[in-house]
N, C-alpha and C. Protein backbone atom coordinates (compact mmCIF):
# COMPACT_ATOMS: atom_id res chain seq x y z
N MET A 1 56.10 -40.82 26.06
CA MET A 1 55.65 -42.18 26.20
C MET A 1 54.16 -42.19 26.54
N ASP A 2 53.43 -43.04 25.90
CA ASP A 2 51.98 -43.11 26.08
C ASP A 2 51.65 -44.13 27.15
N ASN A 3 51.02 -43.70 28.24
CA ASN A 3 50.66 -44.59 29.34
C ASN A 3 49.15 -44.73 29.40
N LYS A 4 48.65 -45.91 29.09
CA LYS A 4 47.22 -46.15 29.12
C LYS A 4 46.86 -47.14 30.22
N GLY A 5 47.65 -47.16 31.28
CA GLY A 5 47.44 -48.11 32.37
C GLY A 5 46.31 -47.73 33.31
N ASN A 6 45.86 -46.48 33.27
CA ASN A 6 44.81 -46.03 34.19
C ASN A 6 43.61 -45.53 33.39
N GLN A 7 43.01 -46.41 32.62
CA GLN A 7 41.87 -46.02 31.81
C GLN A 7 40.60 -46.02 32.64
N GLN A 8 39.77 -45.01 32.43
CA GLN A 8 38.51 -44.86 33.13
C GLN A 8 37.40 -44.67 32.09
N TRP A 9 36.24 -45.23 32.37
CA TRP A 9 35.09 -45.05 31.49
C TRP A 9 34.00 -44.34 32.27
N VAL A 10 33.25 -43.51 31.57
CA VAL A 10 32.14 -42.80 32.18
C VAL A 10 30.87 -43.57 31.81
N TRP A 11 30.21 -44.11 32.81
CA TRP A 11 28.95 -44.84 32.64
C TRP A 11 27.81 -43.91 33.02
N LEU A 12 26.86 -43.71 32.13
CA LEU A 12 25.73 -42.82 32.39
C LEU A 12 24.42 -43.55 32.16
N ALA A 13 23.44 -43.24 32.97
CA ALA A 13 22.07 -43.69 32.75
C ALA A 13 21.22 -42.43 32.61
N LEU A 14 20.42 -42.39 31.57
CA LEU A 14 19.65 -41.20 31.23
C LEU A 14 18.17 -41.51 31.22
N ASP A 15 17.36 -40.63 31.77
CA ASP A 15 15.91 -40.75 31.67
C ASP A 15 15.52 -40.23 30.29
N ALA A 16 14.92 -41.07 29.48
CA ALA A 16 14.60 -40.69 28.10
C ALA A 16 13.55 -39.60 28.02
N ASP A 17 12.68 -39.51 29.01
CA ASP A 17 11.62 -38.49 28.98
C ASP A 17 12.14 -37.12 29.38
N THR A 18 12.90 -37.05 30.46
CA THR A 18 13.36 -35.76 30.97
C THR A 18 14.77 -35.41 30.50
N ARG A 19 15.51 -36.37 29.97
CA ARG A 19 16.91 -36.24 29.54
C ARG A 19 17.85 -36.04 30.73
N GLU A 20 17.35 -36.24 31.94
CA GLU A 20 18.16 -36.07 33.13
C GLU A 20 19.09 -37.27 33.31
N ILE A 21 20.32 -37.00 33.74
CA ILE A 21 21.26 -38.06 34.06
C ILE A 21 20.88 -38.58 35.44
N VAL A 22 20.47 -39.85 35.51
CA VAL A 22 19.95 -40.41 36.76
C VAL A 22 20.90 -41.41 37.40
N GLY A 23 21.91 -41.84 36.70
CA GLY A 23 22.88 -42.78 37.25
C GLY A 23 24.25 -42.53 36.66
N VAL A 24 25.28 -42.63 37.49
CA VAL A 24 26.65 -42.37 37.03
C VAL A 24 27.60 -43.32 37.74
N TYR A 25 28.55 -43.81 36.98
CA TYR A 25 29.70 -44.51 37.56
C TYR A 25 30.90 -44.21 36.69
N ILE A 26 32.02 -43.92 37.31
CA ILE A 26 33.26 -43.67 36.59
C ILE A 26 34.26 -44.71 37.05
N GLY A 27 34.74 -45.51 36.11
CA GLY A 27 35.69 -46.55 36.47
C GLY A 27 35.96 -47.50 35.33
N ALA A 28 36.15 -48.75 35.66
CA ALA A 28 36.52 -49.78 34.68
C ALA A 28 35.37 -50.09 33.74
N ARG A 29 35.64 -50.91 32.75
CA ARG A 29 34.61 -51.35 31.80
C ARG A 29 34.46 -52.86 31.94
N ASP A 30 33.77 -53.25 33.00
CA ASP A 30 33.56 -54.68 33.24
C ASP A 30 32.21 -54.88 33.93
N GLU A 31 31.91 -56.11 34.27
CA GLU A 31 30.62 -56.42 34.86
C GLU A 31 30.46 -55.79 36.25
N ALA A 32 31.54 -55.70 37.01
CA ALA A 32 31.47 -55.07 38.34
C ALA A 32 31.11 -53.59 38.20
N ALA A 33 31.62 -52.94 37.18
CA ALA A 33 31.29 -51.53 36.95
C ALA A 33 29.83 -51.38 36.54
N ALA A 34 29.32 -52.32 35.75
CA ALA A 34 27.90 -52.29 35.38
C ALA A 34 27.03 -52.43 36.62
N ARG A 35 27.46 -53.24 37.58
CA ARG A 35 26.72 -53.36 38.85
C ARG A 35 26.73 -52.04 39.62
N LYS A 36 27.85 -51.36 39.59
CA LYS A 36 27.94 -50.08 40.31
C LYS A 36 27.08 -49.01 39.65
N LEU A 37 26.98 -49.04 38.32
CA LEU A 37 26.05 -48.14 37.64
C LEU A 37 24.63 -48.46 38.07
N TRP A 38 24.28 -49.75 38.11
CA TRP A 38 22.95 -50.17 38.56
C TRP A 38 22.67 -49.66 39.97
N ASP A 39 23.66 -49.79 40.87
CA ASP A 39 23.50 -49.35 42.25
C ASP A 39 23.34 -47.83 42.36
N SER A 40 23.85 -47.08 41.38
CA SER A 40 23.74 -45.63 41.42
C SER A 40 22.35 -45.13 41.02
N LEU A 41 21.53 -46.00 40.45
CA LEU A 41 20.20 -45.60 40.01
C LEU A 41 19.26 -45.45 41.20
N PRO A 42 18.37 -44.46 41.17
CA PRO A 42 17.33 -44.36 42.21
C PRO A 42 16.43 -45.60 42.17
N PRO A 43 15.87 -45.99 43.31
CA PRO A 43 15.05 -47.21 43.36
C PRO A 43 13.91 -47.27 42.34
N VAL A 44 13.28 -46.15 42.06
CA VAL A 44 12.16 -46.17 41.12
C VAL A 44 12.61 -46.61 39.72
N TYR A 45 13.81 -46.24 39.33
CA TYR A 45 14.33 -46.66 38.02
C TYR A 45 14.71 -48.14 38.04
N ARG A 46 15.23 -48.59 39.17
CA ARG A 46 15.61 -50.00 39.27
C ARG A 46 14.39 -50.91 39.22
N GLN A 47 13.25 -50.41 39.63
CA GLN A 47 12.05 -51.22 39.67
C GLN A 47 11.33 -51.33 38.33
N CYS A 48 11.27 -50.24 37.59
CA CYS A 48 10.37 -50.26 36.44
C CYS A 48 10.94 -49.77 35.12
N ALA A 49 12.15 -49.30 35.09
CA ALA A 49 12.69 -48.73 33.85
C ALA A 49 13.02 -49.83 32.83
N ILE A 50 12.91 -49.46 31.58
CA ILE A 50 13.35 -50.33 30.49
C ILE A 50 14.69 -49.79 30.02
N ALA A 51 15.68 -50.64 29.95
CA ALA A 51 17.03 -50.23 29.57
C ALA A 51 17.24 -50.51 28.09
N TYR A 52 17.52 -49.47 27.34
CA TYR A 52 17.92 -49.61 25.95
C TYR A 52 19.44 -49.50 25.93
N THR A 53 20.08 -50.52 25.44
CA THR A 53 21.53 -50.56 25.50
C THR A 53 22.10 -51.19 24.24
N ASP A 54 23.41 -51.09 24.10
CA ASP A 54 24.06 -51.76 22.98
C ASP A 54 24.17 -53.25 23.29
N PHE A 55 24.89 -53.97 22.53
CA PHE A 55 24.92 -55.43 22.64
C PHE A 55 26.05 -55.92 23.56
N TRP A 56 26.49 -55.10 24.49
CA TRP A 56 27.60 -55.48 25.35
C TRP A 56 27.11 -56.42 26.44
N ALA A 57 27.82 -57.51 26.67
CA ALA A 57 27.37 -58.60 27.55
C ALA A 57 27.23 -58.19 29.01
N ALA A 58 28.06 -57.28 29.52
CA ALA A 58 28.00 -56.89 30.93
C ALA A 58 26.65 -56.26 31.27
N PHE A 59 26.08 -55.48 30.36
CA PHE A 59 24.77 -54.90 30.60
C PHE A 59 23.73 -56.00 30.78
N ALA A 60 23.73 -56.94 29.88
CA ALA A 60 22.74 -58.02 29.94
C ALA A 60 22.90 -58.82 31.23
N ALA A 61 24.13 -59.15 31.59
CA ALA A 61 24.36 -59.96 32.79
C ALA A 61 23.85 -59.26 34.05
N VAL A 62 24.14 -57.98 34.19
CA VAL A 62 23.76 -57.26 35.39
C VAL A 62 22.29 -56.88 35.39
N LEU A 63 21.83 -56.27 34.32
CA LEU A 63 20.45 -55.79 34.29
C LEU A 63 19.44 -56.93 34.36
N LEU A 64 19.72 -58.00 33.68
CA LEU A 64 18.77 -59.11 33.71
C LEU A 64 18.78 -59.84 35.05
N SER A 65 19.94 -59.94 35.67
CA SER A 65 19.99 -60.62 36.97
C SER A 65 19.29 -59.78 38.04
N LYS A 66 19.29 -58.47 37.90
CA LYS A 66 18.66 -57.59 38.88
C LYS A 66 17.15 -57.48 38.66
N ARG A 67 16.69 -57.81 37.48
CA ARG A 67 15.28 -57.63 37.15
C ARG A 67 14.62 -58.96 36.81
N LEU A 68 14.87 -59.98 37.61
CA LEU A 68 14.35 -61.32 37.32
C LEU A 68 12.84 -61.39 37.35
N ARG A 69 12.18 -60.48 38.08
CA ARG A 69 10.74 -60.55 38.18
C ARG A 69 10.05 -60.18 36.87
N LEU A 70 10.75 -59.51 35.98
CA LEU A 70 10.18 -59.15 34.69
C LEU A 70 10.60 -60.13 33.62
N ARG A 71 9.80 -60.20 32.60
CA ARG A 71 10.24 -60.99 31.45
C ARG A 71 11.44 -60.31 30.83
N ARG A 72 12.27 -61.08 30.16
CA ARG A 72 13.50 -60.57 29.56
C ARG A 72 13.23 -59.37 28.66
N SER A 73 12.20 -59.42 27.83
CA SER A 73 11.95 -58.35 26.88
C SER A 73 11.50 -57.06 27.56
N GLU A 74 10.98 -57.15 28.81
CA GLU A 74 10.54 -55.95 29.50
C GLU A 74 11.68 -55.26 30.25
N ALA A 75 12.70 -55.99 30.64
CA ALA A 75 13.77 -55.42 31.44
C ALA A 75 14.87 -54.80 30.60
N LEU A 76 15.20 -55.40 29.50
CA LEU A 76 16.35 -54.97 28.73
C LEU A 76 16.08 -55.16 27.25
N ARG A 77 16.36 -54.15 26.51
CA ARG A 77 16.22 -54.25 25.06
C ARG A 77 17.53 -53.83 24.42
N ALA A 78 18.23 -54.79 23.86
CA ALA A 78 19.47 -54.50 23.16
C ALA A 78 19.10 -53.98 21.77
N VAL A 79 19.54 -52.78 21.47
CA VAL A 79 19.18 -52.15 20.21
C VAL A 79 20.42 -51.58 19.55
N GLY A 80 20.39 -51.51 18.25
CA GLY A 80 21.47 -50.90 17.49
C GLY A 80 21.22 -49.41 17.32
N LYS A 81 22.18 -48.71 16.77
CA LYS A 81 22.05 -47.27 16.58
C LYS A 81 20.98 -46.91 15.56
N GLU A 82 20.67 -47.85 14.67
CA GLU A 82 19.68 -47.57 13.63
C GLU A 82 18.27 -47.39 14.20
N THR A 83 18.02 -47.84 15.43
CA THR A 83 16.69 -47.71 16.03
C THR A 83 16.46 -46.34 16.64
N SER A 84 17.48 -45.57 16.84
CA SER A 84 17.48 -44.24 17.46
C SER A 84 17.08 -44.27 18.93
N LYS A 85 17.02 -45.43 19.55
CA LYS A 85 16.70 -45.52 20.98
C LYS A 85 17.87 -45.07 21.86
N THR A 86 19.07 -45.11 21.32
CA THR A 86 20.24 -44.68 22.09
C THR A 86 20.69 -43.27 21.72
N SER A 87 19.91 -42.57 20.93
CA SER A 87 20.33 -41.25 20.45
C SER A 87 20.45 -40.23 21.59
N TYR A 88 19.60 -40.32 22.61
CA TYR A 88 19.67 -39.35 23.71
C TYR A 88 20.96 -39.50 24.50
N ILE A 89 21.35 -40.73 24.77
CA ILE A 89 22.59 -40.92 25.54
C ILE A 89 23.81 -40.60 24.67
N GLU A 90 23.74 -40.88 23.39
CA GLU A 90 24.85 -40.52 22.50
C GLU A 90 25.00 -39.00 22.43
N ARG A 91 23.87 -38.27 22.38
CA ARG A 91 23.93 -36.81 22.38
C ARG A 91 24.52 -36.30 23.69
N CYS A 92 24.13 -36.92 24.80
CA CYS A 92 24.67 -36.54 26.11
C CYS A 92 26.17 -36.81 26.18
N ASN A 93 26.61 -37.94 25.64
CA ASN A 93 28.05 -38.24 25.61
C ASN A 93 28.81 -37.21 24.79
N ASN A 94 28.25 -36.80 23.66
CA ASN A 94 28.90 -35.78 22.83
C ASN A 94 28.97 -34.44 23.56
N THR A 95 27.90 -34.07 24.24
CA THR A 95 27.89 -32.83 25.02
C THR A 95 28.93 -32.90 26.13
N LEU A 96 29.04 -34.03 26.78
CA LEU A 96 30.05 -34.21 27.82
C LEU A 96 31.46 -34.00 27.26
N ARG A 97 31.75 -34.61 26.13
CA ARG A 97 33.08 -34.45 25.52
C ARG A 97 33.34 -33.01 25.10
N GLN A 98 32.32 -32.31 24.63
CA GLN A 98 32.49 -30.92 24.19
C GLN A 98 32.71 -29.97 25.37
N ARG A 99 32.00 -30.21 26.46
CA ARG A 99 32.01 -29.27 27.59
C ARG A 99 33.11 -29.54 28.61
N VAL A 100 33.58 -30.77 28.70
CA VAL A 100 34.64 -31.10 29.66
C VAL A 100 35.94 -31.26 28.88
N SER A 101 36.65 -30.15 28.77
CA SER A 101 37.85 -30.15 27.93
C SER A 101 38.95 -31.06 28.46
N GLN A 102 38.90 -31.42 29.75
CA GLN A 102 39.92 -32.32 30.30
C GLN A 102 39.87 -33.71 29.67
N LEU A 103 38.76 -34.06 29.05
CA LEU A 103 38.62 -35.39 28.45
C LEU A 103 39.34 -35.51 27.11
N VAL A 104 39.78 -34.39 26.56
CA VAL A 104 40.46 -34.39 25.28
C VAL A 104 41.96 -34.30 25.53
N ARG A 105 42.70 -35.27 25.05
CA ARG A 105 44.14 -35.35 25.35
C ARG A 105 44.92 -34.17 24.76
N GLN A 106 44.57 -33.74 23.59
CA GLN A 106 45.34 -32.70 22.91
C GLN A 106 44.79 -31.31 23.25
N THR A 107 44.83 -30.94 24.51
CA THR A 107 44.32 -29.64 24.93
C THR A 107 45.18 -29.08 26.05
N LEU A 108 45.14 -27.79 26.23
CA LEU A 108 45.86 -27.17 27.33
C LEU A 108 45.21 -27.47 28.67
N SER A 109 43.95 -27.88 28.66
CA SER A 109 43.22 -28.16 29.89
C SER A 109 43.46 -29.56 30.41
N PHE A 110 44.21 -30.37 29.70
CA PHE A 110 44.37 -31.76 30.10
C PHE A 110 45.09 -31.86 31.43
N SER A 111 44.62 -32.75 32.27
CA SER A 111 45.22 -32.99 33.58
C SER A 111 45.54 -34.47 33.70
N LYS A 112 46.64 -34.80 34.35
CA LYS A 112 46.99 -36.20 34.58
C LYS A 112 46.33 -36.75 35.83
N SER A 113 45.71 -35.89 36.62
CA SER A 113 45.08 -36.32 37.85
C SER A 113 43.69 -36.90 37.57
N VAL A 114 43.49 -38.15 37.97
CA VAL A 114 42.19 -38.80 37.79
C VAL A 114 41.13 -38.06 38.60
N GLN A 115 41.49 -37.59 39.79
CA GLN A 115 40.53 -36.86 40.63
C GLN A 115 40.06 -35.58 39.96
N ASN A 116 40.95 -34.88 39.25
CA ASN A 116 40.53 -33.68 38.52
C ASN A 116 39.55 -34.02 37.41
N HIS A 117 39.78 -35.12 36.72
CA HIS A 117 38.86 -35.55 35.66
C HIS A 117 37.49 -35.89 36.24
N ILE A 118 37.49 -36.66 37.32
CA ILE A 118 36.23 -37.07 37.94
C ILE A 118 35.48 -35.85 38.47
N GLY A 119 36.18 -34.92 39.08
CA GLY A 119 35.54 -33.70 39.56
C GLY A 119 34.93 -32.89 38.44
N ALA A 120 35.63 -32.77 37.32
CA ALA A 120 35.10 -32.03 36.17
C ALA A 120 33.86 -32.71 35.60
N ILE A 121 33.86 -34.03 35.58
CA ILE A 121 32.70 -34.77 35.06
C ILE A 121 31.51 -34.58 35.99
N TRP A 122 31.71 -34.66 37.29
CA TRP A 122 30.61 -34.45 38.24
C TRP A 122 30.08 -33.03 38.16
N TYR A 123 30.97 -32.07 38.00
CA TYR A 123 30.54 -30.68 37.85
C TYR A 123 29.65 -30.55 36.61
N PHE A 124 30.06 -31.17 35.50
CA PHE A 124 29.24 -31.14 34.29
C PHE A 124 27.88 -31.78 34.53
N ILE A 125 27.84 -32.93 35.19
CA ILE A 125 26.58 -33.64 35.40
C ILE A 125 25.62 -32.79 36.23
N HIS A 126 26.10 -32.16 37.29
CA HIS A 126 25.23 -31.32 38.10
C HIS A 126 24.74 -30.11 37.30
N TYR A 127 25.62 -29.49 36.53
CA TYR A 127 25.24 -28.34 35.71
C TYR A 127 24.25 -28.77 34.64
N TYR A 128 24.51 -29.89 34.00
CA TYR A 128 23.64 -30.40 32.94
C TYR A 128 22.23 -30.67 33.46
N ASN A 129 22.11 -31.36 34.60
CA ASN A 129 20.80 -31.65 35.17
C ASN A 129 20.10 -30.36 35.62
N ALA A 130 20.84 -29.42 36.19
CA ALA A 130 20.24 -28.15 36.63
C ALA A 130 19.74 -27.34 35.43
N SER A 131 20.45 -27.41 34.32
CA SER A 131 20.05 -26.64 33.14
C SER A 131 18.75 -27.19 32.52
N LEU A 132 18.44 -28.45 32.78
CA LEU A 132 17.20 -29.02 32.27
C LEU A 132 15.97 -28.45 32.98
N LEU A 133 16.16 -28.00 34.21
CA LEU A 133 15.07 -27.43 35.00
C LEU A 133 14.74 -26.01 34.60
N ALA A 134 15.71 -25.32 34.00
CA ALA A 134 15.52 -23.92 33.65
C ALA A 134 14.62 -23.71 32.46
């Protein structure tokens, strides 16, 4: 029986210059989760970063409400995949799926424990950021 009652999404914020993962939230896919991703960002990113995102409404609601001092075009730019502005985060998402085998249902590494999944994702994030320094 397929149980999809405990779905979790991995929210990542990436610095486009350094490729470092600077913000993370693991949880639901709603506006409250977008706020938690915003809260996970270091203050310097919350003050001056430009967010390139897809056209999902929760991003616009949270990011624009938090960055009222800037004009709309400076705080958030909704872009499609054809612009290649989201290519770095898409590459990071693919690397995450490749390296964290627990995220793939049809594998021997799959675990039903949400805590095991979250731990594996955090381990990947720390390793990924450390490997950028090398």
